[in-house]
């Protein structure tokens, strides 16, 4: 039997996937990959797909962690929390919001929109659990 946490699944790429329930302190979650599509964003009407990959500090891919993302400031809709799959990836979809209170999703070359991304275990307090956070950005263009 393999060493380490229970519920291990070997993925086709050779990495090991573990359930979120097997991640506990002192181990923590790490958001080790975020991709946007399209990139750069060129439209205020098209959906933006955000893919987030989660591993833990032991190097295992984590399935079942809850992923959340929102733009800062709030220039897009907010997708519901989405659980990572067997491969550790979660896909969220957002759309630029209609202009309001002077906030407009920018579509200019050289401008980026920042997103706060979070991965957590359900039922755990964010301040002292295995939660991971990260700030990322997507390019925009006219």
Foldseek 3Di string as FASTA:
>chain_A
DDDAFPPWDQDPVRAIEHEPVRAWPPKAKEFPDKDWPPFAAEDQADKIKIKIAMDIPVRHGYWFWWKWKAWVVRQKDTFGTFTAHRRRMDITIIGGDDDDPNDHDDAAAPDKIKMKMKTHHPPDDPPDIRMDIDIDIGGHHD
